[in-house]
Amino acid sequence: MKRTYRFSDGELIVADKMRLRQLLKDYECYLQNYTDIDLASPEYIARGNGFCESKYSENFIENQIEKYRQRINDIQSWLQHSDRSASTR
C-alpha cells in the first residue's frame, strides 16, 4: 500500500515498501559516489569559465553527502516503523 512520506528536507514522496527499499539502495549508491569524489583529481577540473578549480565545490559535495545520509536515515526509520507496525497486527 502506498503512503506519503516527508523527508527531513521537506520533500514529499508517495511510495510503498518496495519503492522505499529501491530508493534506499539508490541513495546508498549516490552517497557512495559523492564520498568517492576526490576534488584534487584532474578528472574533476571544470571546463567552464576558467575561474573554477573543480567541477564540484566542496560545499556542494558536503551538502549532497548530508542530504543522502539524512534521506537514508529517514527511509530506514520508515521501514523499521513499517516492520514494527506489521508485526503488531
N, C-alpha and C. Protein backbone atom coordinates (compact mmCIF):
# COMPACT_ATOMS: atom_id res chain seq x y z
N MET A 1 0.84 -1.17 0.00
CA MET A 1 0.00 0.00 0.00
C MET A 1 0.90 1.25 0.00
N LYS A 2 0.61 2.17 -0.89
CA LYS A 2 1.38 3.40 -0.99
C LYS A 2 0.97 4.38 0.09
N ARG A 3 1.99 5.07 0.60
CA ARG A 3 1.77 6.12 1.60
C ARG A 3 2.58 7.34 1.19
N THR A 4 2.25 8.46 1.77
CA THR A 4 3.00 9.69 1.55
C THR A 4 4.00 9.86 2.68
N TYR A 5 5.24 10.11 2.30
CA TYR A 5 6.32 10.31 3.27
C TYR A 5 6.95 11.67 3.02
N ARG A 6 7.43 12.28 4.11
CA ARG A 6 8.11 13.57 4.01
C ARG A 6 9.54 13.41 4.53
N PHE A 7 10.50 13.69 3.63
CA PHE A 7 11.89 13.66 4.04
C PHE A 7 12.17 14.82 4.99
N SER A 8 13.25 14.72 5.72
CA SER A 8 13.63 15.77 6.67
C SER A 8 13.82 17.12 6.01
N ASP A 9 14.17 17.12 4.71
CA ASP A 9 14.35 18.39 4.00
C ASP A 9 13.03 18.93 3.44
N GLY A 10 11.93 18.22 3.69
CA GLY A 10 10.61 18.70 3.31
C GLY A 10 10.04 18.09 2.05
N GLU A 11 10.85 17.42 1.25
CA GLU A 11 10.35 16.82 0.01
C GLU A 11 9.41 15.66 0.32
N LEU A 12 8.31 15.61 -0.42
CA LEU A 12 7.33 14.53 -0.26
C LEU A 12 7.50 13.47 -1.33
N ILE A 13 7.27 12.22 -0.95
CA ILE A 13 7.22 11.13 -1.92
C ILE A 13 6.03 10.25 -1.58
N VAL A 14 5.52 9.58 -2.58
CA VAL A 14 4.48 8.57 -2.39
C VAL A 14 5.11 7.24 -2.77
N ALA A 15 5.12 6.29 -1.82
CA ALA A 15 5.83 5.04 -2.08
C ALA A 15 5.25 3.91 -1.24
N ASP A 16 5.49 2.69 -1.72
CA ASP A 16 5.20 1.51 -0.92
C ASP A 16 6.54 0.97 -0.42
N LYS A 17 6.51 -0.15 0.32
CA LYS A 17 7.74 -0.69 0.90
C LYS A 17 8.76 -1.06 -0.16
N MET A 18 8.31 -1.62 -1.27
CA MET A 18 9.24 -1.99 -2.33
C MET A 18 9.95 -0.76 -2.89
N ARG A 19 9.20 0.29 -3.11
CA ARG A 19 9.78 1.53 -3.63
C ARG A 19 10.75 2.13 -2.62
N LEU A 20 10.40 2.09 -1.32
CA LEU A 20 11.31 2.60 -0.29
C LEU A 20 12.61 1.82 -0.29
N ARG A 21 12.52 0.52 -0.42
CA ARG A 21 13.74 -0.30 -0.45
C ARG A 21 14.61 0.04 -1.67
N GLN A 22 13.97 0.27 -2.81
CA GLN A 22 14.71 0.64 -4.01
C GLN A 22 15.35 2.02 -3.85
N LEU A 23 14.60 2.97 -3.29
CA LEU A 23 15.17 4.30 -3.03
C LEU A 23 16.34 4.21 -2.07
N LEU A 24 16.24 3.36 -1.07
CA LEU A 24 17.32 3.19 -0.12
C LEU A 24 18.59 2.73 -0.84
N LYS A 25 18.46 1.74 -1.71
CA LYS A 25 19.61 1.27 -2.49
C LYS A 25 20.17 2.37 -3.38
N ASP A 26 19.28 3.09 -4.05
CA ASP A 26 19.71 4.18 -4.93
C ASP A 26 20.46 5.26 -4.15
N TYR A 27 19.91 5.67 -3.02
CA TYR A 27 20.52 6.73 -2.22
C TYR A 27 21.84 6.28 -1.62
N GLU A 28 21.96 5.01 -1.25
CA GLU A 28 23.24 4.49 -0.77
C GLU A 28 24.29 4.57 -1.88
N CYS A 29 23.88 4.27 -3.09
CA CYS A 29 24.78 4.37 -4.25
C CYS A 29 25.18 5.83 -4.49
N TYR A 30 24.22 6.74 -4.46
CA TYR A 30 24.52 8.16 -4.65
C TYR A 30 25.49 8.65 -3.58
N LEU A 31 25.24 8.26 -2.33
CA LEU A 31 26.11 8.66 -1.24
C LEU A 31 27.53 8.16 -1.47
N GLN A 32 27.64 6.91 -1.88
CA GLN A 32 28.96 6.35 -2.15
C GLN A 32 29.66 7.11 -3.27
N ASN A 33 28.91 7.46 -4.31
CA ASN A 33 29.50 8.23 -5.41
C ASN A 33 30.06 9.57 -4.93
N TYR A 34 29.31 10.26 -4.08
CA TYR A 34 29.79 11.55 -3.59
C TYR A 34 30.94 11.41 -2.62
N THR A 35 30.94 10.37 -1.80
CA THR A 35 32.04 10.19 -0.86
C THR A 35 33.32 9.75 -1.58
N ASP A 36 33.19 9.20 -2.78
CA ASP A 36 34.36 8.77 -3.56
C ASP A 36 35.02 9.90 -4.35
N ILE A 37 34.38 11.05 -4.45
CA ILE A 37 34.93 12.15 -5.24
C ILE A 37 36.19 12.69 -4.58
N ASP A 38 37.22 12.81 -5.38
CA ASP A 38 38.48 13.39 -4.94
C ASP A 38 38.65 14.71 -5.69
N LEU A 39 38.44 15.79 -4.98
CA LEU A 39 38.50 17.11 -5.62
C LEU A 39 39.88 17.44 -6.16
N ALA A 40 40.90 16.79 -5.67
CA ALA A 40 42.26 17.05 -6.14
C ALA A 40 42.54 16.35 -7.47
N SER A 41 41.69 15.42 -7.83
CA SER A 41 41.89 14.65 -9.05
C SER A 41 41.65 15.53 -10.29
N PRO A 42 42.50 15.39 -11.32
CA PRO A 42 42.31 16.19 -12.54
C PRO A 42 41.02 15.85 -13.29
N GLU A 43 40.40 14.74 -12.99
CA GLU A 43 39.12 14.38 -13.63
C GLU A 43 38.03 15.39 -13.32
N TYR A 44 38.15 16.07 -12.20
CA TYR A 44 37.08 16.96 -11.75
C TYR A 44 37.36 18.43 -12.04
N ILE A 45 38.31 18.71 -12.93
CA ILE A 45 38.58 20.09 -13.33
C ILE A 45 37.43 20.56 -14.22
N ALA A 46 36.92 21.72 -13.90
CA ALA A 46 35.81 22.28 -14.67
C ALA A 46 36.28 22.74 -16.04
N ARG A 47 35.42 22.68 -17.01
CA ARG A 47 35.73 23.15 -18.36
C ARG A 47 35.06 24.50 -18.61
N GLY A 48 34.54 25.11 -17.57
CA GLY A 48 33.72 26.30 -17.70
C GLY A 48 34.48 27.59 -17.87
N ASN A 49 34.27 28.53 -16.98
CA ASN A 49 34.69 29.91 -17.16
C ASN A 49 36.16 30.18 -16.83
N GLY A 50 36.93 29.20 -16.46
CA GLY A 50 38.33 29.40 -16.15
C GLY A 50 38.59 29.83 -14.72
N PHE A 51 37.54 30.22 -14.00
CA PHE A 51 37.70 30.61 -12.61
C PHE A 51 37.50 29.43 -11.67
N CYS A 52 36.93 28.35 -12.17
CA CYS A 52 36.66 27.18 -11.34
C CYS A 52 37.92 26.35 -11.19
N GLU A 53 38.12 25.86 -10.00
CA GLU A 53 39.24 24.96 -9.77
C GLU A 53 38.79 23.51 -9.79
N SER A 54 37.51 23.29 -9.62
CA SER A 54 36.99 21.93 -9.63
C SER A 54 35.58 21.93 -10.19
N LYS A 55 35.13 20.77 -10.59
CA LYS A 55 33.79 20.64 -11.15
C LYS A 55 32.72 20.84 -10.07
N TYR A 56 33.04 20.38 -8.88
CA TYR A 56 32.10 20.48 -7.76
C TYR A 56 32.74 21.27 -6.63
N SER A 57 31.98 22.16 -6.04
CA SER A 57 32.51 22.87 -4.88
C SER A 57 32.47 21.93 -3.68
N GLU A 58 33.35 22.18 -2.73
CA GLU A 58 33.34 21.36 -1.51
C GLU A 58 32.01 21.47 -0.80
N ASN A 59 31.42 22.67 -0.78
CA ASN A 59 30.12 22.86 -0.13
C ASN A 59 29.04 22.02 -0.80
N PHE A 60 29.04 22.00 -2.13
CA PHE A 60 28.05 21.21 -2.86
C PHE A 60 28.16 19.74 -2.48
N ILE A 61 29.39 19.22 -2.50
CA ILE A 61 29.59 17.80 -2.19
C ILE A 61 29.19 17.51 -0.75
N GLU A 62 29.59 18.36 0.18
CA GLU A 62 29.22 18.17 1.58
C GLU A 62 27.70 18.19 1.75
N ASN A 63 27.03 19.11 1.05
CA ASN A 63 25.57 19.19 1.13
C ASN A 63 24.91 17.94 0.56
N GLN A 64 25.44 17.44 -0.56
CA GLN A 64 24.88 16.22 -1.15
C GLN A 64 25.09 15.01 -0.23
N ILE A 65 26.27 14.92 0.36
CA ILE A 65 26.54 13.83 1.29
C ILE A 65 25.57 13.88 2.46
N GLU A 66 25.38 15.05 3.03
CA GLU A 66 24.45 15.21 4.16
C GLU A 66 23.02 14.90 3.73
N LYS A 67 22.63 15.37 2.55
CA LYS A 67 21.28 15.12 2.03
C LYS A 67 21.01 13.62 1.94
N TYR A 68 21.93 12.89 1.31
CA TYR A 68 21.69 11.46 1.13
C TYR A 68 21.84 10.68 2.42
N ARG A 69 22.71 11.10 3.32
CA ARG A 69 22.77 10.44 4.64
C ARG A 69 21.44 10.60 5.36
N GLN A 70 20.89 11.81 5.34
CA GLN A 70 19.63 12.05 6.04
C GLN A 70 18.48 11.28 5.38
N ARG A 71 18.47 11.25 4.06
CA ARG A 71 17.40 10.51 3.37
C ARG A 71 17.50 9.02 3.66
N ILE A 72 18.71 8.49 3.71
CA ILE A 72 18.90 7.08 4.06
C ILE A 72 18.37 6.83 5.47
N ASN A 73 18.70 7.72 6.41
CA ASN A 73 18.19 7.59 7.78
C ASN A 73 16.67 7.64 7.81
N ASP A 74 16.09 8.58 7.06
CA ASP A 74 14.62 8.70 7.01
C ASP A 74 13.99 7.40 6.51
N ILE A 75 14.50 6.88 5.40
CA ILE A 75 13.92 5.67 4.81
C ILE A 75 14.10 4.48 5.75
N GLN A 76 15.28 4.34 6.35
CA GLN A 76 15.48 3.25 7.30
C GLN A 76 14.50 3.33 8.46
N SER A 77 14.27 4.52 8.93
CA SER A 77 13.30 4.73 10.01
C SER A 77 11.89 4.34 9.57
N TRP A 78 11.49 4.76 8.37
CA TRP A 78 10.16 4.43 7.87
C TRP A 78 10.00 2.92 7.71
N LEU A 79 11.04 2.26 7.19
CA LEU A 79 10.96 0.82 7.00
C LEU A 79 10.90 0.09 8.34
N GLN A 80 11.67 0.54 9.33
CA GLN A 80 11.62 -0.07 10.66
C GLN A 80 10.25 0.11 11.29
N HIS A 81 9.71 1.31 11.16
CA HIS A 81 8.38 1.58 11.71
C HIS A 81 7.33 0.71 11.01
N SER A 82 7.47 0.57 9.72
CA SER A 82 6.55 -0.25 8.94
C SER A 82 6.63 -1.71 9.37
N ASP A 83 7.86 -2.21 9.60
CA ASP A 83 8.05 -3.59 10.04
C ASP A 83 7.47 -3.81 11.43
N ARG A 84 7.67 -2.84 12.33
CA ARG A 84 7.11 -2.96 13.67
C ARG A 84 5.59 -2.94 13.64
N SER A 85 5.03 -2.07 12.80
CA SER A 85 3.57 -1.98 12.68
C SER A 85 3.00 -3.28 12.15
N ALA A 86 3.66 -3.89 11.19
CA ALA A 86 3.19 -5.14 10.59
C ALA A 86 3.27 -6.28 11.60
N SER A 87 4.28 -6.27 12.47
CA SER A 87 4.44 -7.38 13.41
C SER A 87 3.46 -7.28 14.58
N THR A 88 2.88 -6.11 14.83
CA THR A 88 1.91 -5.98 15.92
C THR A 88 0.49 -6.22 15.48
N ARG A 89 0.29 -6.47 14.21
CA ARG A 89 -1.08 -6.70 13.71
C ARG A 89 -1.49 -8.12 13.92
